[in-house]
Amino acid sequence: MPLHAITEVYGESGLRDRLDEELARFSPADRPRLAAAAELAAHLHRDDRRVREPYLNHLLRVAIRIIRYYEVDDVDVIIAALLHDAVEDHPEELAGLPPGQPHAVATAAALAELARRFNPRVADLVRAVTNPEYAPDRDRHEQYRAHVAESLDRHPWARVIKVSDFTDNGVGIIHTTGDRVAHLARKYRPLVPIFRDLIRRPDTPLSTRAKDHIFDQLALAETRFAAILDD
């Protein structure tokens, strides 16, 4: 069953069960780290929502997609996928700092905490997919696209996390409502060719089958963006 269909029918509990099924094939030595990442994500995002669902659902889908459809068994990558928004959304809580810290201070402390809890590679993967503090006098969407292209250009494994994040948002845009739909379509549509190029590169560490799956998902996302913006 497609991941968004699991979400619609069974909700968060269904996605948690699906993740548990995927994690069962990992070694007993790796499963506690993976479970700790899932629980940390659930704790940090416990009050966050995405339109009609808990934000955690998005994180679960991103991780499950990487395991199931991208055929990735790299534990660090899956941990980073579960926590890919933790530093961006909850740096102070993750780092144990009081609110109101400067962005750079909170971000650095949160990344250091991920390195401590898991390892430096996990922290580096999360850093690569974390948005920077944008300049207020420039278009945020342009800055976002420039950051994605630049950061992922030199970080092949981060591409795997970010493209799962992107396709979850793009294919799942039909589950978004209100004015935000067009806003997100305008933000994401120009990124489709960038991701196609990144995934096509020989150093992107995925099988041909996984890449073909991603290309199909990018095409579907592009079709949905066009339907929204060209209507």
C-alpha atoms as a PDB file:
ATOM      1  CA  MET A   1       0.000   0.000   0.000  1.00  0.00           C
ATOM      2  CA  PRO A   2       1.418   3.473  -0.871  1.00  0.00           C
ATOM      3  CA  LEU A   3       2.664   5.419   2.122  1.00  0.00           C
ATOM      4  CA  HIS A   4       0.159   8.239   1.794  1.00  0.00           C
ATOM      5  CA  ALA A   5      -2.611   5.638   1.555  1.00  0.00           C
ATOM      6  CA  ILE A   6      -1.383   4.038   4.788  1.00  0.00           C
ATOM      7  CA  THR A   7      -1.529   7.497   6.328  1.00  0.00           C
ATOM      8  CA  GLU A   8      -5.075   8.121   5.155  1.00  0.00           C
ATOM      9  CA  VAL A   9      -6.383   4.750   6.314  1.00  0.00           C
ATOM     10  CA  TYR A  10      -4.348   3.938   9.416  1.00  0.00           C
ATOM     11  CA  GLY A  11      -2.732   7.242  10.439  1.00  0.00           C
ATOM     12  CA  GLU A  12       0.367   7.548  12.596  1.00  0.00           C
ATOM     13  CA  SER A  13      -0.048   4.110  14.171  1.00  0.00           C
ATOM     14  CA  GLY A  14      -0.079   2.491  10.731  1.00  0.00           C
ATOM     15  CA  LEU A  15       3.113   4.271   9.725  1.00  0.00           C
ATOM     16  CA  ARG A  16       4.782   3.320  13.011  1.00  0.00           C
ATOM     17  CA  ASP A  17       3.822  -0.317  12.411  1.00  0.00           C
ATOM     18  CA  ARG A  18       5.172  -0.138   8.864  1.00  0.00           C
ATOM     19  CA  LEU A  19       8.467   1.322  10.103  1.00  0.00           C
ATOM     20  CA  ASP A  20       8.720  -1.428  12.725  1.00  0.00           C
ATOM     21  CA  GLU A  21       8.237  -4.031   9.960  1.00  0.00           C
ATOM     22  CA  GLU A  22      11.032  -2.472   7.919  1.00  0.00           C
ATOM     23  CA  LEU A  23      13.368  -2.201  10.915  1.00  0.00           C
ATOM     24  CA  ALA A  24      12.840  -5.849  11.873  1.00  0.00           C
ATOM     25  CA  ARG A  25      15.285  -6.924   9.184  1.00  0.00           C
ATOM     26  CA  PHE A  26      18.115  -4.856  10.662  1.00  0.00           C
ATOM     27  CA  SER A  27      20.564  -6.427  13.070  1.00  0.00           C
ATOM     28  CA  PRO A  28      19.775  -6.504  16.807  1.00  0.00           C
ATOM     29  CA  ALA A  29      22.767  -4.221  17.322  1.00  0.00           C
ATOM     30  CA  ASP A  30      21.329  -1.539  15.010  1.00  0.00           C
ATOM     31  CA  ARG A  31      17.661  -1.608  16.005  1.00  0.00           C
ATOM     32  CA  PRO A  32      18.059   0.263  19.337  1.00  0.00           C
ATOM     33  CA  ARG A  33      19.735   3.209  17.568  1.00  0.00           C
ATOM     34  CA  LEU A  34      16.989   3.324  14.963  1.00  0.00           C
ATOM     35  CA  ALA A  35      14.277   3.111  17.619  1.00  0.00           C
ATOM     36  CA  ALA A  36      15.969   5.883  19.610  1.00  0.00           C
ATOM     37  CA  ALA A  37      15.953   8.136  16.550  1.00  0.00           C
ATOM     38  CA  ALA A  38      12.256   7.466  15.923  1.00  0.00           C
ATOM     39  CA  GLU A  39      11.382   8.242  19.534  1.00  0.00           C
ATOM     40  CA  LEU A  40      13.485  11.399  19.557  1.00  0.00           C
ATOM     41  CA  ALA A  41      11.718  12.558  16.395  1.00  0.00           C
ATOM     42  CA  ALA A  42       8.337  11.806  17.990  1.00  0.00           C
ATOM     43  CA  HIS A  43       9.285  13.751  21.118  1.00  0.00           C
ATOM     44  CA  LEU A  44      10.667  16.829  19.369  1.00  0.00           C
ATOM     45  CA  HIS A  45       7.775  17.083  16.907  1.00  0.00           C
ATOM     46  CA  ARG A  46       5.058  16.004  19.354  1.00  0.00           C
ATOM     47  CA  ASP A  47       3.081  19.248  18.988  1.00  0.00           C
ATOM     48  CA  ASP A  48       3.784  19.883  15.293  1.00  0.00           C
ATOM     49  CA  ARG A  49       1.091  19.493  12.657  1.00  0.00           C
ATOM     50  CA  ARG A  50       1.006  19.369   8.866  1.00  0.00           C
ATOM     51  CA  VAL A  51      -2.471  20.451   7.808  1.00  0.00           C
ATOM     52  CA  ARG A  52      -4.503  17.342   8.723  1.00  0.00           C
ATOM     53  CA  GLU A  53      -1.869  15.126  10.308  1.00  0.00           C
ATOM     54  CA  PRO A  54       0.883  14.984  12.929  1.00  0.00           C
ATOM     55  CA  TYR A  55       4.181  16.178  11.522  1.00  0.00           C
ATOM     56  CA  LEU A  56       5.741  12.908  12.622  1.00  0.00           C
ATOM     57  CA  ASN A  57       3.894  11.158   9.788  1.00  0.00           C
ATOM     58  CA  HIS A  58       6.039  13.007   7.263  1.00  0.00           C
ATOM     59  CA  LEU A  59       9.249  11.934   8.992  1.00  0.00           C
ATOM     60  CA  LEU A  60       8.107   8.319   9.168  1.00  0.00           C
ATOM     61  CA  ARG A  61       7.224   8.288   5.457  1.00  0.00           C
ATOM     62  CA  VAL A  62      10.588   9.800   4.509  1.00  0.00           C
ATOM     63  CA  ALA A  63      12.449   7.081   6.419  1.00  0.00           C
ATOM     64  CA  ILE A  64      10.240   4.190   5.278  1.00  0.00           C
ATOM     65  CA  ARG A  65      10.542   5.278   1.637  1.00  0.00           C
ATOM     66  CA  ILE A  66      14.338   5.261   1.891  1.00  0.00           C
ATOM     67  CA  ILE A  67      14.366   1.742   3.300  1.00  0.00           C
ATOM     68  CA  ARG A  68      11.625   0.186   1.207  1.00  0.00           C
ATOM     69  CA  TYR A  69      11.734   1.910  -2.164  1.00  0.00           C
ATOM     70  CA  TYR A  70      15.307   3.199  -2.279  1.00  0.00           C
ATOM     71  CA  GLU A  71      16.631  -0.110  -0.876  1.00  0.00           C
ATOM     72  CA  VAL A  72      18.954   1.616   1.587  1.00  0.00           C
ATOM     73  CA  ASP A  73      20.174  -0.226   4.684  1.00  0.00           C
ATOM     74  CA  ASP A  74      22.652   2.412   5.880  1.00  0.00           C
ATOM     75  CA  VAL A  75      21.630   2.985   9.500  1.00  0.00           C
ATOM     76  CA  ASP A  76      23.113   6.486   9.729  1.00  0.00           C
ATOM     77  CA  VAL A  77      21.121   7.605   6.690  1.00  0.00           C
ATOM     78  CA  ILE A  78      17.859   6.278   8.120  1.00  0.00           C
ATOM     79  CA  ILE A  79      18.506   7.921  11.493  1.00  0.00           C
ATOM     80  CA  ALA A  80      19.241  11.207   9.737  1.00  0.00           C
ATOM     81  CA  ALA A  81      16.052  10.827   7.687  1.00  0.00           C
ATOM     82  CA  LEU A  82      13.963  10.471  10.842  1.00  0.00           C
ATOM     83  CA  LEU A  83      15.661  13.541  12.328  1.00  0.00           C
ATOM     84  CA  HIS A  84      16.104  15.606   9.173  1.00  0.00           C
ATOM     85  CA  ASP A  85      13.930  18.473  10.467  1.00  0.00           C
ATOM     86  CA  ALA A  86      14.991  18.309  14.121  1.00  0.00           C
ATOM     87  CA  VAL A  87      17.748  20.920  13.936  1.00  0.00           C
ATOM     88  CA  GLU A  88      15.755  23.225  11.679  1.00  0.00           C
ATOM     89  CA  ASP A  89      12.558  23.111  13.741  1.00  0.00           C
ATOM     90  CA  HIS A  90      13.652  22.432  17.336  1.00  0.00           C
ATOM     91  CA  PRO A  91      17.337  23.279  17.777  1.00  0.00           C
ATOM     92  CA  GLU A  92      17.077  24.708  21.271  1.00  0.00           C
ATOM     93  CA  GLU A  93      15.050  21.859  22.708  1.00  0.00           C
ATOM     94  CA  LEU A  94      17.323  19.293  21.071  1.00  0.00           C
ATOM     95  CA  ALA A  95      20.413  21.018  22.451  1.00  0.00           C
ATOM     96  CA  GLY A  96      18.904  21.666  25.896  1.00  0.00           C
ATOM     97  CA  LEU A  97      19.214  25.438  25.534  1.00  0.00           C
ATOM     98  CA  PRO A  98      16.772  28.103  26.719  1.00  0.00           C
ATOM     99  CA  PRO A  99      14.631  29.758  24.020  1.00  0.00           C
ATOM    100  CA  GLY A 100      15.818  32.837  22.179  1.00  0.00           C
ATOM    101  CA  GLN A 101      19.324  31.741  21.230  1.00  0.00           C
ATOM    102  CA  PRO A 102      20.949  33.177  18.088  1.00  0.00           C
ATOM    103  CA  HIS A 103      20.264  30.944  15.085  1.00  0.00           C
ATOM    104  CA  ALA A 104      23.908  29.976  14.566  1.00  0.00           C
ATOM    105  CA  VAL A 105      24.409  29.129  18.235  1.00  0.00           C
ATOM    106  CA  ALA A 106      21.295  26.979  18.477  1.00  0.00           C
ATOM    107  CA  THR A 107      22.033  25.180  15.201  1.00  0.00           C
ATOM    108  CA  ALA A 108      25.619  24.374  16.140  1.00  0.00           C
ATOM    109  CA  ALA A 109      24.591  23.121  19.571  1.00  0.00           C
ATOM    110  CA  ALA A 110      21.809  20.948  18.138  1.00  0.00           C
ATOM    111  CA  LEU A 111      24.151  19.377  15.591  1.00  0.00           C
ATOM    112  CA  ALA A 112      26.674  18.712  18.338  1.00  0.00           C
ATOM    113  CA  GLU A 113      23.968  16.959  20.350  1.00  0.00           C
ATOM    114  CA  LEU A 114      23.089  14.723  17.380  1.00  0.00           C
ATOM    115  CA  ALA A 115      26.771  13.874  17.006  1.00  0.00           C
ATOM    116  CA  ARG A 116      26.909  13.005  20.707  1.00  0.00           C
ATOM    117  CA  ARG A 117      23.751  10.889  20.726  1.00  0.00           C
ATOM    118  CA  PHE A 118      24.377   9.097  17.450  1.00  0.00           C
ATOM    119  CA  ASN A 119      27.622   9.973  15.649  1.00  0.00           C
ATOM    120  CA  PRO A 120      29.234  12.810  13.670  1.00  0.00           C
ATOM    121  CA  ARG A 121      28.110  11.353  10.325  1.00  0.00           C
ATOM    122  CA  VAL A 122      24.452  11.533  11.348  1.00  0.00           C
ATOM    123  CA  ALA A 123      24.965  15.144  12.389  1.00  0.00           C
ATOM    124  CA  ASP A 124      26.672  15.942   9.088  1.00  0.00           C
ATOM    125  CA  LEU A 125      23.832  14.401   7.089  1.00  0.00           C
ATOM    126  CA  VAL A 126      21.263  16.427   9.027  1.00  0.00           C
ATOM    127  CA  ARG A 127      23.367  19.558   8.597  1.00  0.00           C
ATOM    128  CA  ALA A 128      23.409  19.054   4.819  1.00  0.00           C
ATOM    129  CA  VAL A 129      19.594  19.016   4.612  1.00  0.00           C
ATOM    130  CA  THR A 130      18.974  21.793   7.162  1.00  0.00           C
ATOM    131  CA  ASN A 131      18.006  25.178   5.742  1.00  0.00           C
ATOM    132  CA  PRO A 132      20.283  28.079   6.639  1.00  0.00           C
ATOM    133  CA  GLU A 133      19.139  31.396   8.030  1.00  0.00           C
ATOM    134  CA  TYR A 134      17.961  33.284   4.962  1.00  0.00           C
ATOM    135  CA  ALA A 135      18.796  36.888   4.114  1.00  0.00           C
ATOM    136  CA  PRO A 136      15.633  38.960   4.680  1.00  0.00           C
ATOM    137  CA  ASP A 137      16.206  41.141   1.598  1.00  0.00           C
ATOM    138  CA  ARG A 138      16.255  38.263  -0.914  1.00  0.00           C
ATOM    139  CA  ASP A 139      13.548  35.923  -2.186  1.00  0.00           C
ATOM    140  CA  ARG A 140      13.294  32.983   0.224  1.00  0.00           C
ATOM    141  CA  HIS A 141      12.331  30.496  -2.490  1.00  0.00           C
ATOM    142  CA  GLU A 142      15.364  31.406  -4.577  1.00  0.00           C
ATOM    143  CA  GLN A 143      17.621  31.087  -1.545  1.00  0.00           C
ATOM    144  CA  TYR A 144      16.070  27.717  -0.705  1.00  0.00           C
ATOM    145  CA  ARG A 145      16.656  26.363  -4.204  1.00  0.00           C
ATOM    146  CA  ALA A 146      20.233  27.665  -4.267  1.00  0.00           C
ATOM    147  CA  HIS A 147      20.943  26.045  -0.894  1.00  0.00           C
ATOM    148  CA  VAL A 148      19.510  22.688  -1.994  1.00  0.00           C
ATOM    149  CA  ALA A 149      21.559  22.633  -5.210  1.00  0.00           C
ATOM    150  CA  GLU A 150      24.789  23.700  -3.521  1.00  0.00           C
ATOM    151  CA  SER A 151      24.527  21.524  -0.416  1.00  0.00           C
ATOM    152  CA  LEU A 152      23.512  18.346  -2.232  1.00  0.00           C
ATOM    153  CA  ASP A 153      26.035  18.815  -5.011  1.00  0.00           C
ATOM    154  CA  ARG A 154      28.819  17.740  -2.666  1.00  0.00           C
ATOM    155  CA  HIS A 155      26.921  15.329  -0.401  1.00  0.00           C
ATOM    156  CA  PRO A 156      25.588  12.246  -2.262  1.00  0.00           C
ATOM    157  CA  TRP A 157      23.973  10.530   0.740  1.00  0.00           C
ATOM    158  CA  ALA A 158      22.194  13.725   1.737  1.00  0.00           C
ATOM    159  CA  ARG A 159      20.586  13.673  -1.724  1.00  0.00           C
ATOM    160  CA  VAL A 160      18.900  10.414  -0.764  1.00  0.00           C
ATOM    161  CA  ILE A 161      17.301  11.984   2.311  1.00  0.00           C
ATOM    162  CA  LYS A 162      16.328  15.212   0.595  1.00  0.00           C
ATOM    163  CA  VAL A 163      14.756  13.582  -2.441  1.00  0.00           C
ATOM    164  CA  SER A 164      12.595  11.407  -0.184  1.00  0.00           C
ATOM    165  CA  ASP A 165      11.596  14.548   1.700  1.00  0.00           C
ATOM    166  CA  PHE A 166      10.898  16.344  -1.570  1.00  0.00           C
ATOM    167  CA  THR A 167       8.825  13.600  -3.164  1.00  0.00           C
ATOM    168  CA  ASP A 168       6.824  13.189   0.034  1.00  0.00           C
ATOM    169  CA  ASN A 169       5.974  16.874  -0.158  1.00  0.00           C
ATOM    170  CA  GLY A 170       5.509  16.922  -3.931  1.00  0.00           C
ATOM    171  CA  VAL A 171       3.497  13.752  -4.477  1.00  0.00           C
ATOM    172  CA  GLY A 172       1.655  14.453  -1.240  1.00  0.00           C
ATOM    173  CA  ILE A 173       0.710  17.992  -2.218  1.00  0.00           C
ATOM    174  CA  ILE A 174      -2.778  16.748  -3.047  1.00  0.00           C
ATOM    175  CA  HIS A 175      -3.270  16.195   0.675  1.00  0.00           C
ATOM    176  CA  THR A 176      -2.602  19.880   1.410  1.00  0.00           C
ATOM    177  CA  THR A 177      -5.467  22.355   1.504  1.00  0.00           C
ATOM    178  CA  GLY A 178      -6.073  26.087   1.261  1.00  0.00           C
ATOM    179  CA  ASP A 179      -3.799  28.824  -0.047  1.00  0.00           C
ATOM    180  CA  ARG A 180      -0.710  26.855   0.940  1.00  0.00           C
ATOM    181  CA  VAL A 181      -1.168  24.473  -1.996  1.00  0.00           C
ATOM    182  CA  ALA A 182      -0.224  27.040  -4.654  1.00  0.00           C
ATOM    183  CA  HIS A 183       2.505  28.460  -2.415  1.00  0.00           C
ATOM    184  CA  LEU A 184       4.175  25.055  -2.099  1.00  0.00           C
ATOM    185  CA  ALA A 185       3.764  24.247  -5.796  1.00  0.00           C
ATOM    186  CA  ARG A 186       5.549  27.481  -6.736  1.00  0.00           C
ATOM    187  CA  LYS A 187       8.296  26.735  -4.228  1.00  0.00           C
ATOM    188  CA  TYR A 188       8.889  23.135  -5.281  1.00  0.00           C
ATOM    189  CA  ARG A 189       8.249  23.041  -9.036  1.00  0.00           C
ATOM    190  CA  PRO A 190      11.616  24.561 -10.078  1.00  0.00           C
ATOM    191  CA  LEU A 191      13.432  21.951  -7.983  1.00  0.00           C
ATOM    192  CA  VAL A 192      12.258  18.975 -10.067  1.00  0.00           C
ATOM    193  CA  PRO A 193      14.970  19.291 -12.753  1.00  0.00           C
ATOM    194  CA  ILE A 194      17.585  19.911 -10.065  1.00  0.00           C
ATOM    195  CA  PHE A 195      16.692  16.662  -8.328  1.00  0.00           C
ATOM    196  CA  ARG A 196      16.596  14.784 -11.621  1.00  0.00           C
ATOM    197  CA  ASP A 197      20.152  15.891 -12.310  1.00  0.00           C
ATOM    198  CA  LEU A 198      21.353  15.045  -8.795  1.00  0.00           C
ATOM    199  CA  ILE A 199      19.811  11.570  -8.776  1.00  0.00           C
ATOM    200  CA  ARG A 200      21.094  10.814 -12.286  1.00  0.00           C
ATOM    201  CA  ARG A 201      24.708  11.396 -11.226  1.00  0.00           C
ATOM    202  CA  PRO A 202      26.936   8.294 -10.974  1.00  0.00           C
ATOM    203  CA  ASP A 203      28.002   9.146  -7.421  1.00  0.00           C
ATOM    204  CA  THR A 204      24.427   9.077  -6.104  1.00  0.00           C
ATOM    205  CA  PRO A 205      24.553   5.820  -4.088  1.00  0.00           C
ATOM    206  CA  LEU A 206      21.350   4.175  -5.300  1.00  0.00           C
ATOM    207  CA  SER A 207      20.531   1.261  -7.589  1.00  0.00           C
ATOM    208  CA  THR A 208      19.135   1.796 -11.071  1.00  0.00           C
ATOM    209  CA  ARG A 209      15.791   0.457  -9.856  1.00  0.00           C
ATOM    210  CA  ALA A 210      15.686   2.946  -6.992  1.00  0.00           C
ATOM    211  CA  LYS A 211      16.616   5.817  -9.297  1.00  0.00           C
ATOM    212  CA  ASP A 212      13.886   4.820 -11.752  1.00  0.00           C
ATOM    213  CA  HIS A 213      11.383   4.823  -8.893  1.00  0.00           C
ATOM    214  CA  ILE A 214      12.493   8.329  -7.921  1.00  0.00           C
ATOM    215  CA  PHE A 215      12.218   9.577 -11.508  1.00  0.00           C
ATOM    216  CA  ASP A 216       8.630   8.257 -11.640  1.00  0.00           C
ATOM    217  CA  GLN A 217       7.836  10.048  -8.376  1.00  0.00           C
ATOM    218  CA  LEU A 218       9.384  13.302  -9.603  1.00  0.00           C
ATOM    219  CA  ALA A 219       7.303  13.081 -12.776  1.00  0.00           C
ATOM    220  CA  LEU A 220       4.152  12.574 -10.715  1.00  0.00           C
ATOM    221  CA  ALA A 221       5.033  15.512  -8.471  1.00  0.00           C
ATOM    222  CA  GLU A 222       5.692  17.692 -11.518  1.00  0.00           C
ATOM    223  CA  THR A 223       2.307  16.735 -12.969  1.00  0.00           C
ATOM    224  CA  ARG A 224       0.600  17.735  -9.730  1.00  0.00           C
ATOM    225  CA  PHE A 225       2.468  21.049  -9.522  1.00  0.00           C
ATOM    226  CA  ALA A 226       1.437  21.831 -13.103  1.00  0.00           C
ATOM    227  CA  ALA A 227      -2.191  20.960 -12.426  1.00  0.00           C
ATOM    228  CA  ILE A 228      -2.217  23.394  -9.502  1.00  0.00           C
ATOM    229  CA  LEU A 229      -0.360  26.271 -11.125  1.00  0.00           C
ATOM    230  CA  ASP A 230      -1.567  25.993 -14.729  1.00  0.00           C
ATOM    231  CA  ASP A 231      -5.232  25.468 -13.950  1.00  0.00           C
END
